[in-house]
């Protein structure tokens, strides 16, 4: 949308030596002071607004950088992020499908059908049980927030990321990531930090 908004903010730590992935969610409504390198100041804003303000200052890269700087300065002072991966909804679907979808244990019935005149949300119709989620079902599952708290939503997202990571062959992580990057193209933008 215009201006763009961040839907989910995750800190992910990959430890290939230990074969571990740690995931921490940052609540999108967390109040912070947002300060840009150009001197713009936005006091007591939700953290997901950093992405929006960054877009006004410098497009997608500006969004990513201001969001990361806000996390480093306001949420976890002293933390140094190695890089940022910005995935839009199309990119998320492509990553999941390229890796062969994701098996998850759906804990309860997820149902939302848009009705005429009502609020338009991501439609979903999943039965409980262990199943393979692909395409829009995967996206709707991780974004679902009707009747759940944001804490339940982020726990579901973390579980999904762990399940996705477990399905990547440890022997060929780089090969699989290279394959995903070629398939996904511009739906994912990355930025590293030079310190």
N, C-alpha and C. Protein backbone atom coordinates (compact mmCIF):
# COMPACT_ATOMS: atom_id res chain seq x y z
N UNK A 1 0.85 -1.19 0.00
CA UNK A 1 0.00 0.00 0.00
C UNK A 1 0.88 1.23 0.00
N UNK A 2 0.26 2.38 -0.14
CA UNK A 2 1.02 3.61 -0.16
C UNK A 2 0.50 4.51 0.96
N UNK A 3 1.22 4.82 1.98
CA UNK A 3 2.62 4.41 2.18
C UNK A 3 2.68 2.95 2.66
N UNK A 4 3.83 2.29 2.47
CA UNK A 4 3.94 0.89 2.89
C UNK A 4 4.00 0.75 4.41
N UNK A 5 3.55 -0.39 4.89
CA UNK A 5 3.56 -0.69 6.32
C UNK A 5 4.23 -2.04 6.53
N UNK A 6 4.88 -2.21 7.66
CA UNK A 6 5.41 -3.54 7.98
C UNK A 6 4.32 -4.32 8.70
N UNK A 7 4.13 -5.56 8.28
CA UNK A 7 3.10 -6.41 8.86
C UNK A 7 3.65 -7.16 10.06
N UNK A 8 4.89 -7.62 9.96
CA UNK A 8 5.50 -8.44 10.99
C UNK A 8 6.98 -8.08 11.09
N UNK A 9 7.50 -8.03 12.30
CA UNK A 9 8.92 -7.78 12.50
C UNK A 9 9.48 -8.94 13.32
N UNK A 10 10.41 -9.66 12.73
CA UNK A 10 11.04 -10.80 13.38
C UNK A 10 12.55 -10.61 13.44
N UNK A 11 13.14 -10.91 14.58
CA UNK A 11 14.59 -11.02 14.67
C UNK A 11 14.90 -12.50 14.55
N UNK A 12 15.73 -12.85 13.59
CA UNK A 12 16.07 -14.25 13.35
C UNK A 12 17.57 -14.41 13.48
N UNK A 13 17.99 -15.40 14.24
CA UNK A 13 19.41 -15.69 14.40
C UNK A 13 19.66 -17.11 13.91
N UNK A 14 20.49 -17.23 12.88
CA UNK A 14 20.88 -18.53 12.35
C UNK A 14 22.25 -18.89 12.93
N UNK A 15 22.37 -20.07 13.48
CA UNK A 15 23.65 -20.56 13.99
C UNK A 15 23.94 -21.87 13.27
N UNK A 16 24.61 -21.79 12.11
CA UNK A 16 24.84 -23.00 11.31
C UNK A 16 25.73 -24.02 12.01
N UNK A 17 26.63 -23.56 12.87
CA UNK A 17 27.51 -24.50 13.58
C UNK A 17 26.72 -25.38 14.53
N UNK A 18 25.71 -24.82 15.17
CA UNK A 18 24.88 -25.58 16.11
C UNK A 18 23.62 -26.12 15.43
N UNK A 19 23.36 -25.70 14.19
CA UNK A 19 22.15 -26.11 13.50
C UNK A 19 20.90 -25.55 14.14
N UNK A 20 21.01 -24.34 14.70
CA UNK A 20 19.88 -23.75 15.42
C UNK A 20 19.41 -22.46 14.76
N UNK A 21 18.12 -22.24 14.86
CA UNK A 21 17.52 -20.99 14.43
C UNK A 21 16.70 -20.45 15.59
N UNK A 22 16.97 -19.22 15.98
CA UNK A 22 16.19 -18.58 17.05
C UNK A 22 15.36 -17.46 16.43
N UNK A 23 14.12 -17.34 16.86
CA UNK A 23 13.22 -16.34 16.32
C UNK A 23 12.59 -15.56 17.47
N UNK A 24 12.64 -14.23 17.35
CA UNK A 24 12.00 -13.36 18.35
C UNK A 24 11.13 -12.35 17.60
N UNK A 25 9.91 -12.22 18.03
CA UNK A 25 8.99 -11.26 17.42
C UNK A 25 9.02 -9.95 18.18
N UNK A 26 8.91 -8.86 17.44
CA UNK A 26 8.77 -7.54 18.05
C UNK A 26 7.33 -7.10 17.80
N UNK A 27 6.56 -6.87 18.87
CA UNK A 27 5.16 -6.48 18.69
C UNK A 27 5.06 -5.20 17.84
N UNK A 28 4.24 -5.23 16.83
CA UNK A 28 4.14 -4.11 15.90
C UNK A 28 3.57 -2.85 16.54
N UNK A 29 2.90 -2.99 17.68
CA UNK A 29 2.32 -1.83 18.37
C UNK A 29 3.22 -1.30 19.49
N UNK A 30 4.44 -1.82 19.60
CA UNK A 30 5.37 -1.35 20.62
C UNK A 30 5.67 0.14 20.40
N UNK A 31 5.50 0.96 21.45
CA UNK A 31 5.75 2.40 21.32
C UNK A 31 7.23 2.71 21.47
N UNK A 32 7.76 3.47 20.51
CA UNK A 32 9.17 3.85 20.49
C UNK A 32 9.29 5.29 19.98
N UNK A 33 10.46 5.85 20.16
CA UNK A 33 10.79 7.13 19.53
C UNK A 33 11.58 6.81 18.27
N UNK A 34 11.14 7.34 17.15
CA UNK A 34 11.79 7.04 15.88
C UNK A 34 12.60 8.26 15.46
N UNK A 35 13.91 8.03 15.22
CA UNK A 35 14.81 9.11 14.81
C UNK A 35 15.55 8.68 13.55
N UNK A 36 15.47 9.49 12.53
CA UNK A 36 16.20 9.17 11.29
C UNK A 36 17.58 9.80 11.32
N UNK A 37 18.47 9.29 10.48
CA UNK A 37 19.82 9.85 10.36
C UNK A 37 19.77 11.28 9.83
N UNK A 38 18.69 11.64 9.13
CA UNK A 38 18.54 12.99 8.58
C UNK A 38 18.00 13.98 9.61
N UNK A 39 17.70 13.48 10.83
CA UNK A 39 17.23 14.38 11.88
C UNK A 39 15.73 14.39 12.08
N UNK A 40 14.98 13.64 11.30
CA UNK A 40 13.54 13.57 11.51
C UNK A 40 13.26 12.85 12.83
N UNK A 41 12.26 13.31 13.56
CA UNK A 41 11.96 12.74 14.88
C UNK A 41 10.46 12.52 15.01
N UNK A 42 10.09 11.30 15.38
CA UNK A 42 8.69 10.93 15.55
C UNK A 42 8.55 10.28 16.93
N UNK A 43 8.15 11.06 17.96
CA UNK A 43 8.07 10.51 19.32
C UNK A 43 6.82 9.65 19.52
N UNK A 44 6.98 8.64 20.36
CA UNK A 44 5.89 7.77 20.80
C UNK A 44 5.03 7.27 19.63
N UNK A 45 5.69 6.60 18.72
CA UNK A 45 5.02 5.98 17.57
C UNK A 45 5.10 4.46 17.70
N UNK A 46 4.20 3.75 17.05
CA UNK A 46 4.30 2.29 16.97
C UNK A 46 5.53 1.95 16.14
N UNK A 47 6.22 0.88 16.53
CA UNK A 47 7.47 0.55 15.85
C UNK A 47 7.27 0.26 14.37
N UNK A 48 6.11 -0.27 13.98
CA UNK A 48 5.94 -0.55 12.55
C UNK A 48 5.84 0.73 11.72
N UNK A 49 5.67 1.88 12.38
CA UNK A 49 5.66 3.16 11.66
C UNK A 49 7.06 3.53 11.17
N UNK A 50 8.11 2.98 11.78
CA UNK A 50 9.48 3.27 11.32
C UNK A 50 9.64 2.86 9.86
N UNK A 51 9.04 1.76 9.49
CA UNK A 51 9.10 1.30 8.10
C UNK A 51 8.43 2.32 7.17
N UNK A 52 7.29 2.82 7.60
CA UNK A 52 6.53 3.78 6.79
C UNK A 52 7.30 5.09 6.65
N UNK A 53 7.80 5.62 7.76
CA UNK A 53 8.56 6.87 7.70
C UNK A 53 9.84 6.69 6.88
N UNK A 54 10.47 5.55 7.00
CA UNK A 54 11.68 5.29 6.22
C UNK A 54 11.41 5.28 4.73
N UNK A 55 10.23 4.81 4.33
CA UNK A 55 9.87 4.78 2.91
C UNK A 55 9.79 6.19 2.35
N UNK A 56 9.26 7.11 3.16
CA UNK A 56 9.17 8.51 2.72
C UNK A 56 10.55 9.12 2.53
N UNK A 57 11.52 8.64 3.31
CA UNK A 57 12.87 9.19 3.25
C UNK A 57 13.75 8.53 2.20
N UNK A 58 13.45 7.27 1.86
CA UNK A 58 14.35 6.58 0.94
C UNK A 58 13.84 5.29 0.34
N UNK A 59 12.55 5.19 0.08
CA UNK A 59 12.01 3.99 -0.57
C UNK A 59 12.15 2.75 0.29
N UNK A 60 12.23 1.59 -0.37
CA UNK A 60 12.29 0.31 0.35
C UNK A 60 13.55 0.24 1.22
N UNK A 61 14.69 0.65 0.67
CA UNK A 61 15.93 0.62 1.46
C UNK A 61 15.81 1.54 2.67
N UNK A 62 15.20 2.71 2.49
CA UNK A 62 14.99 3.62 3.61
C UNK A 62 14.10 3.01 4.67
N UNK A 63 13.07 2.28 4.23
CA UNK A 63 12.18 1.59 5.18
C UNK A 63 12.96 0.60 6.02
N UNK A 64 13.76 -0.21 5.34
CA UNK A 64 14.50 -1.26 6.01
C UNK A 64 15.50 -0.68 7.01
N UNK A 65 16.22 0.34 6.57
CA UNK A 65 17.27 0.92 7.41
C UNK A 65 16.67 1.61 8.64
N UNK A 66 15.61 2.41 8.47
CA UNK A 66 15.04 3.10 9.62
C UNK A 66 14.42 2.12 10.60
N UNK A 67 13.79 1.07 10.09
CA UNK A 67 13.24 0.04 10.99
C UNK A 67 14.35 -0.62 11.79
N UNK A 68 15.45 -0.98 11.11
CA UNK A 68 16.57 -1.64 11.78
C UNK A 68 17.23 -0.71 12.80
N UNK A 69 17.44 0.54 12.42
CA UNK A 69 18.06 1.50 13.35
C UNK A 69 17.18 1.72 14.58
N UNK A 70 15.88 1.73 14.38
CA UNK A 70 14.97 1.91 15.51
C UNK A 70 15.05 0.71 16.45
N UNK A 71 15.15 -0.48 15.89
CA UNK A 71 15.30 -1.67 16.73
C UNK A 71 16.61 -1.60 17.51
N UNK A 72 17.68 -1.22 16.82
CA UNK A 72 19.00 -1.16 17.47
C UNK A 72 19.09 -0.08 18.56
N UNK A 73 18.41 1.04 18.35
CA UNK A 73 18.55 2.15 19.31
C UNK A 73 17.45 2.18 20.37
N UNK A 74 16.24 1.79 20.00
CA UNK A 74 15.10 1.94 20.91
C UNK A 74 14.66 0.65 21.58
N UNK A 75 14.74 -0.45 20.87
CA UNK A 75 14.22 -1.71 21.42
C UNK A 75 15.32 -2.49 22.14
N UNK A 76 16.46 -2.66 21.49
CA UNK A 76 17.58 -3.40 22.06
C UNK A 76 18.86 -2.58 21.91
N UNK A 77 19.03 -1.54 22.74
CA UNK A 77 20.25 -0.73 22.63
C UNK A 77 21.50 -1.61 22.74
N UNK A 78 22.40 -1.40 21.81
CA UNK A 78 23.63 -2.18 21.80
C UNK A 78 23.59 -3.37 20.85
N UNK A 79 22.41 -3.78 20.43
CA UNK A 79 22.29 -4.86 19.46
C UNK A 79 22.82 -4.40 18.12
N UNK A 80 23.55 -5.26 17.44
CA UNK A 80 24.02 -4.94 16.09
C UNK A 80 23.47 -5.98 15.12
N UNK A 81 22.61 -5.53 14.26
CA UNK A 81 22.04 -6.42 13.25
C UNK A 81 23.05 -6.60 12.12
N UNK A 82 23.13 -7.82 11.60
CA UNK A 82 24.03 -8.10 10.48
C UNK A 82 23.40 -7.77 9.14
N UNK A 83 22.10 -7.85 9.06
CA UNK A 83 21.43 -7.59 7.80
C UNK A 83 19.93 -7.58 7.96
N UNK A 84 19.27 -7.22 6.90
CA UNK A 84 17.81 -7.12 6.90
C UNK A 84 17.30 -7.86 5.68
N UNK A 85 16.21 -8.57 5.85
CA UNK A 85 15.53 -9.20 4.72
C UNK A 85 14.10 -8.67 4.74
N UNK A 86 13.71 -8.02 3.68
CA UNK A 86 12.38 -7.45 3.54
C UNK A 86 11.62 -8.33 2.55
N UNK A 87 10.58 -8.99 3.03
CA UNK A 87 9.81 -9.91 2.20
C UNK A 87 8.40 -9.37 2.05
N UNK A 88 7.97 -9.11 0.82
CA UNK A 88 6.57 -8.71 0.64
C UNK A 88 5.70 -9.97 0.59
N UNK A 89 4.39 -9.80 0.53
CA UNK A 89 3.49 -10.95 0.60
C UNK A 89 3.73 -11.91 -0.57
N UNK A 90 3.95 -11.37 -1.75
CA UNK A 90 4.22 -12.21 -2.92
C UNK A 90 5.51 -13.00 -2.70
N UNK A 91 6.52 -12.36 -2.15
CA UNK A 91 7.79 -13.03 -1.88
C UNK A 91 7.64 -14.14 -0.86
N UNK A 92 6.85 -13.90 0.17
CA UNK A 92 6.61 -14.93 1.19
C UNK A 92 6.01 -16.18 0.54
N UNK A 93 4.99 -15.97 -0.28
CA UNK A 93 4.35 -17.10 -0.96
C UNK A 93 5.36 -17.83 -1.84
N UNK A 94 6.17 -17.08 -2.58
CA UNK A 94 7.14 -17.72 -3.48
C UNK A 94 8.20 -18.50 -2.70
N UNK A 95 8.67 -17.96 -1.57
CA UNK A 95 9.65 -18.67 -0.76
C UNK A 95 9.06 -19.99 -0.26
N UNK A 96 7.87 -19.92 0.31
CA UNK A 96 7.23 -21.12 0.84
C UNK A 96 7.02 -22.15 -0.26
N UNK A 97 6.49 -21.74 -1.40
CA UNK A 97 6.22 -22.69 -2.47
C UNK A 97 7.50 -23.25 -3.09
N UNK A 98 8.55 -22.41 -3.20
CA UNK A 98 9.82 -22.87 -3.76
C UNK A 98 10.45 -23.93 -2.87
N UNK A 99 10.28 -23.80 -1.56
CA UNK A 99 10.84 -24.78 -0.63
C UNK A 99 9.93 -26.00 -0.45
N UNK A 100 8.87 -26.08 -1.23
CA UNK A 100 8.00 -27.26 -1.17
C UNK A 100 6.88 -27.15 -0.16
N UNK A 101 6.52 -25.91 0.20
CA UNK A 101 5.46 -25.65 1.17
C UNK A 101 5.93 -26.00 2.58
N UNK A 102 5.07 -25.85 3.57
CA UNK A 102 5.47 -26.06 4.96
C UNK A 102 4.42 -26.91 5.66
N UNK A 103 4.89 -27.96 6.34
CA UNK A 103 4.01 -28.78 7.14
C UNK A 103 3.87 -28.15 8.52
N UNK A 104 2.65 -27.92 8.94
CA UNK A 104 2.38 -27.35 10.26
C UNK A 104 1.22 -28.09 10.92
N UNK A 105 1.17 -27.99 12.24
CA UNK A 105 0.06 -28.54 12.99
C UNK A 105 -0.92 -27.40 13.26
N UNK A 106 -1.95 -27.32 12.47
CA UNK A 106 -2.96 -26.27 12.62
C UNK A 106 -3.78 -26.58 13.87
N UNK A 107 -3.74 -25.68 14.84
CA UNK A 107 -4.27 -25.95 16.17
C UNK A 107 -5.80 -25.88 16.28
N UNK A 108 -6.45 -25.11 15.42
CA UNK A 108 -7.91 -25.02 15.45
C UNK A 108 -8.41 -24.59 14.08
N UNK A 109 -9.70 -24.52 13.94
CA UNK A 109 -10.30 -24.09 12.67
C UNK A 109 -10.01 -22.62 12.46
N UNK A 110 -9.53 -22.29 11.29
CA UNK A 110 -9.30 -20.90 10.88
C UNK A 110 -10.26 -20.62 9.74
N UNK A 111 -11.18 -19.68 9.98
CA UNK A 111 -12.17 -19.38 8.96
C UNK A 111 -12.45 -17.88 8.93
N UNK A 112 -12.32 -17.32 7.76
CA UNK A 112 -12.76 -15.95 7.52
C UNK A 112 -13.11 -15.83 6.05
N UNK A 113 -14.34 -15.44 5.79
CA UNK A 113 -14.81 -15.21 4.43
C UNK A 113 -15.29 -13.76 4.38
N UNK A 114 -14.77 -13.01 3.44
CA UNK A 114 -15.19 -11.61 3.30
C UNK A 114 -16.63 -11.53 2.85
N UNK A 115 -17.38 -10.65 3.47
CA UNK A 115 -18.77 -10.44 3.07
C UNK A 115 -18.91 -9.04 2.50
N UNK A 116 -19.86 -8.88 1.64
CA UNK A 116 -20.08 -7.58 1.00
C UNK A 116 -20.46 -6.55 2.06
N UNK A 117 -19.76 -5.41 2.03
CA UNK A 117 -20.02 -4.35 2.98
C UNK A 117 -19.24 -4.48 4.27
N UNK A 118 -18.61 -5.63 4.49
CA UNK A 118 -17.81 -5.83 5.70
C UNK A 118 -16.36 -5.46 5.46
N UNK A 119 -15.55 -5.60 6.51
CA UNK A 119 -14.12 -5.34 6.38
C UNK A 119 -13.47 -6.44 5.56
N UNK A 120 -12.55 -6.06 4.69
CA UNK A 120 -11.88 -7.03 3.83
C UNK A 120 -10.57 -7.47 4.48
N UNK A 121 -10.52 -8.75 4.82
CA UNK A 121 -9.32 -9.35 5.38
C UNK A 121 -8.89 -10.48 4.47
N UNK A 122 -7.74 -11.03 4.77
CA UNK A 122 -7.26 -12.19 4.04
C UNK A 122 -8.19 -13.37 4.33
N UNK A 123 -8.76 -13.95 3.28
CA UNK A 123 -9.68 -15.07 3.49
C UNK A 123 -8.91 -16.33 3.83
N UNK A 124 -9.54 -17.16 4.67
CA UNK A 124 -8.90 -18.40 5.10
C UNK A 124 -9.98 -19.41 5.45
N UNK A 125 -9.70 -20.68 5.17
CA UNK A 125 -10.60 -21.76 5.54
C UNK A 125 -9.76 -23.02 5.75
N UNK A 126 -9.23 -23.17 6.97
CA UNK A 126 -8.38 -24.31 7.30
C UNK A 126 -9.00 -25.12 8.43
N UNK A 127 -8.97 -26.43 8.28
CA UNK A 127 -9.40 -27.33 9.34
C UNK A 127 -8.21 -27.63 10.25
N UNK A 128 -8.45 -28.00 11.52
CA UNK A 128 -7.33 -28.35 12.39
C UNK A 128 -6.65 -29.64 11.94
N UNK A 129 -5.37 -29.78 12.32
CA UNK A 129 -4.62 -31.00 12.03
C UNK A 129 -3.31 -30.72 11.33
N UNK A 130 -2.47 -31.73 11.27
CA UNK A 130 -1.16 -31.62 10.63
C UNK A 130 -1.36 -31.61 9.12
N UNK A 131 -0.84 -30.58 8.47
CA UNK A 131 -1.07 -30.45 7.03
C UNK A 131 -0.02 -29.58 6.36
N UNK A 132 0.00 -29.69 5.05
CA UNK A 132 0.94 -28.94 4.22
C UNK A 132 0.27 -27.64 3.77
N UNK A 133 0.92 -26.50 4.09
CA UNK A 133 0.37 -25.20 3.69
C UNK A 133 1.22 -24.61 2.57
N UNK A 134 0.55 -24.21 1.51
CA UNK A 134 1.20 -23.60 0.36
C UNK A 134 0.48 -22.30 0.02
N UNK A 135 1.10 -21.50 -0.80
CA UNK A 135 0.51 -20.35 -1.44
C UNK A 135 -0.23 -19.45 -0.45
N UNK A 136 -1.46 -19.03 -0.82
CA UNK A 136 -2.22 -18.09 0.02
C UNK A 136 -2.63 -18.69 1.35
N UNK A 137 -2.77 -20.03 1.42
CA UNK A 137 -3.10 -20.64 2.71
C UNK A 137 -2.00 -20.39 3.73
N UNK A 138 -0.75 -20.48 3.30
CA UNK A 138 0.37 -20.23 4.22
C UNK A 138 0.37 -18.77 4.67
N UNK A 139 0.20 -17.85 3.72
CA UNK A 139 0.20 -16.43 4.07
C UNK A 139 -0.97 -16.08 4.99
N UNK A 140 -2.16 -16.55 4.67
CA UNK A 140 -3.33 -16.26 5.50
C UNK A 140 -3.18 -16.85 6.89
N UNK A 141 -2.56 -18.02 6.99
CA UNK A 141 -2.35 -18.66 8.29
C UNK A 141 -1.44 -17.83 9.19
N UNK A 142 -0.32 -17.35 8.66
CA UNK A 142 0.60 -16.58 9.52
C UNK A 142 0.08 -15.18 9.80
N UNK A 143 -0.78 -14.64 8.94
CA UNK A 143 -1.29 -13.28 9.15
C UNK A 143 -2.59 -13.26 9.95
N UNK A 144 -3.25 -14.38 10.13
CA UNK A 144 -4.56 -14.44 10.78
C UNK A 144 -4.54 -13.77 12.15
N UNK A 145 -5.49 -12.87 12.39
CA UNK A 145 -5.56 -12.21 13.70
C UNK A 145 -7.00 -11.89 14.11
N UNK A 146 -7.94 -12.66 13.64
CA UNK A 146 -9.34 -12.44 13.99
C UNK A 146 -9.71 -13.41 15.11
N UNK A 147 -9.87 -12.90 16.29
CA UNK A 147 -10.20 -13.76 17.42
C UNK A 147 -8.98 -14.23 18.19
N UNK A 148 -7.80 -13.94 17.70
CA UNK A 148 -6.56 -14.26 18.41
C UNK A 148 -5.92 -12.96 18.87
N UNK A 149 -5.12 -13.04 19.92
CA UNK A 149 -4.35 -11.86 20.33
C UNK A 149 -3.11 -11.77 19.46
N UNK A 150 -2.42 -10.63 19.52
CA UNK A 150 -1.19 -10.48 18.76
C UNK A 150 -0.12 -11.44 19.28
N UNK A 151 -0.16 -11.79 20.55
CA UNK A 151 0.80 -12.75 21.11
C UNK A 151 0.61 -14.13 20.49
N UNK A 152 -0.64 -14.53 20.31
CA UNK A 152 -0.92 -15.83 19.67
C UNK A 152 -0.46 -15.78 18.22
N UNK A 153 -0.71 -14.68 17.56
CA UNK A 153 -0.31 -14.51 16.16
C UNK A 153 1.20 -14.63 16.00
N UNK A 154 1.98 -13.95 16.84
CA UNK A 154 3.43 -14.01 16.69
C UNK A 154 3.96 -15.39 17.06
N UNK A 155 3.34 -16.07 18.01
CA UNK A 155 3.76 -17.44 18.34
C UNK A 155 3.52 -18.36 17.14
N UNK A 156 2.40 -18.18 16.46
CA UNK A 156 2.10 -18.97 15.26
C UNK A 156 3.12 -18.68 14.16
N UNK A 157 3.50 -17.41 14.00
CA UNK A 157 4.49 -17.05 12.99
C UNK A 157 5.85 -17.66 13.31
N UNK A 158 6.25 -17.61 14.57
CA UNK A 158 7.53 -18.20 14.96
C UNK A 158 7.54 -19.70 14.71
N UNK A 159 6.44 -20.36 15.05
CA UNK A 159 6.33 -21.80 14.81
C UNK A 159 6.43 -22.11 13.32
N UNK A 160 5.80 -21.29 12.50
CA UNK A 160 5.83 -21.49 11.06
C UNK A 160 7.26 -21.36 10.53
N UNK A 161 7.99 -20.32 10.99
CA UNK A 161 9.37 -20.12 10.55
C UNK A 161 10.25 -21.29 10.97
N UNK A 162 10.06 -21.79 12.20
CA UNK A 162 10.83 -22.96 12.66
C UNK A 162 10.54 -24.18 11.80
N UNK A 163 9.26 -24.40 11.50
CA UNK A 163 8.90 -25.54 10.65
C UNK A 163 9.51 -25.40 9.25
N UNK A 164 9.50 -24.19 8.72
CA UNK A 164 10.10 -23.94 7.41
C UNK A 164 11.59 -24.24 7.46
N UNK A 165 12.27 -23.75 8.49
CA UNK A 165 13.71 -23.96 8.63
C UNK A 165 14.05 -25.45 8.75
N UNK A 166 13.24 -26.19 9.48
CA UNK A 166 13.49 -27.62 9.67
C UNK A 166 13.36 -28.40 8.37
N UNK A 167 12.64 -27.87 7.41
CA UNK A 167 12.46 -28.55 6.14
C UNK A 167 13.58 -28.27 5.15
N UNK A 168 14.49 -27.35 5.51
CA UNK A 168 15.63 -27.06 4.65
C UNK A 168 16.73 -28.06 4.99
N UNK A 169 17.23 -28.75 3.99
CA UNK A 169 18.26 -29.76 4.20
C UNK A 169 19.53 -29.12 4.74
N UNK A 170 20.02 -29.57 5.92
CA UNK A 170 21.23 -28.97 6.48
C UNK A 170 22.46 -29.17 5.59
N UNK A 171 22.46 -30.22 4.76
CA UNK A 171 23.59 -30.48 3.89
C UNK A 171 23.67 -29.53 2.72
N UNK A 172 22.54 -28.90 2.36
CA UNK A 172 22.53 -28.06 1.17
C UNK A 172 21.82 -26.74 1.42
N UNK A 173 22.08 -26.12 2.57
CA UNK A 173 21.43 -24.85 2.91
C UNK A 173 21.76 -23.79 1.86
N UNK A 174 23.04 -23.62 1.51
CA UNK A 174 23.42 -22.58 0.55
C UNK A 174 22.81 -22.84 -0.82
N UNK A 175 22.80 -24.07 -1.25
CA UNK A 175 22.21 -24.40 -2.55
C UNK A 175 20.73 -24.10 -2.59
N UNK A 176 20.03 -24.43 -1.50
CA UNK A 176 18.60 -24.17 -1.45
C UNK A 176 18.32 -22.67 -1.39
N UNK A 177 19.12 -21.94 -0.61
CA UNK A 177 18.92 -20.49 -0.52
C UNK A 177 19.19 -19.83 -1.87
N UNK A 178 20.20 -20.31 -2.59
CA UNK A 178 20.50 -19.78 -3.92
C UNK A 178 19.33 -20.05 -4.87
N UNK A 179 18.77 -21.26 -4.80
CA UNK A 179 17.62 -21.62 -5.64
C UNK A 179 16.42 -20.72 -5.31
N UNK A 180 16.17 -20.50 -4.02
CA UNK A 180 15.05 -19.64 -3.61
C UNK A 180 15.27 -18.23 -4.13
N UNK A 181 16.49 -17.71 -3.97
CA UNK A 181 16.78 -16.34 -4.42
C UNK A 181 16.51 -16.18 -5.91
N UNK A 182 16.87 -17.17 -6.71
CA UNK A 182 16.63 -17.10 -8.15
C UNK A 182 15.15 -17.14 -8.48
N UNK A 183 14.38 -17.94 -7.74
CA UNK A 183 12.95 -18.08 -7.98
C UNK A 183 12.16 -16.85 -7.55
N UNK A 184 12.58 -16.25 -6.46
CA UNK A 184 11.81 -15.17 -5.86
C UNK A 184 12.08 -13.82 -6.51
N UNK A 185 13.31 -13.57 -6.89
CA UNK A 185 13.65 -12.33 -7.58
C UNK A 185 13.45 -11.10 -6.73
N UNK A 186 12.73 -10.12 -7.26
CA UNK A 186 12.61 -8.81 -6.62
C UNK A 186 11.58 -8.76 -5.49
N UNK A 187 10.94 -9.87 -5.17
CA UNK A 187 9.97 -9.88 -4.08
C UNK A 187 10.65 -9.85 -2.72
N UNK A 188 11.97 -10.04 -2.72
CA UNK A 188 12.75 -9.95 -1.49
C UNK A 188 13.86 -8.96 -1.72
N UNK A 189 14.04 -8.06 -0.76
CA UNK A 189 15.12 -7.08 -0.81
C UNK A 189 15.97 -7.29 0.43
N UNK A 190 17.29 -7.28 0.26
CA UNK A 190 18.18 -7.45 1.39
C UNK A 190 19.10 -6.25 1.52
N UNK A 191 19.56 -6.04 2.74
CA UNK A 191 20.54 -4.98 2.99
C UNK A 191 21.44 -5.46 4.12
N UNK A 192 22.72 -5.22 3.96
CA UNK A 192 23.67 -5.55 5.02
C UNK A 192 24.12 -4.26 5.68
N UNK A 193 24.77 -4.40 6.84
CA UNK A 193 25.29 -3.25 7.55
C UNK A 193 26.80 -3.34 7.54
N UNK A 194 27.45 -2.26 7.16
CA UNK A 194 28.90 -2.21 7.27
C UNK A 194 29.24 -1.37 8.48
N UNK A 195 30.01 -1.93 9.38
CA UNK A 195 30.34 -1.24 10.63
C UNK A 195 31.83 -1.04 10.71
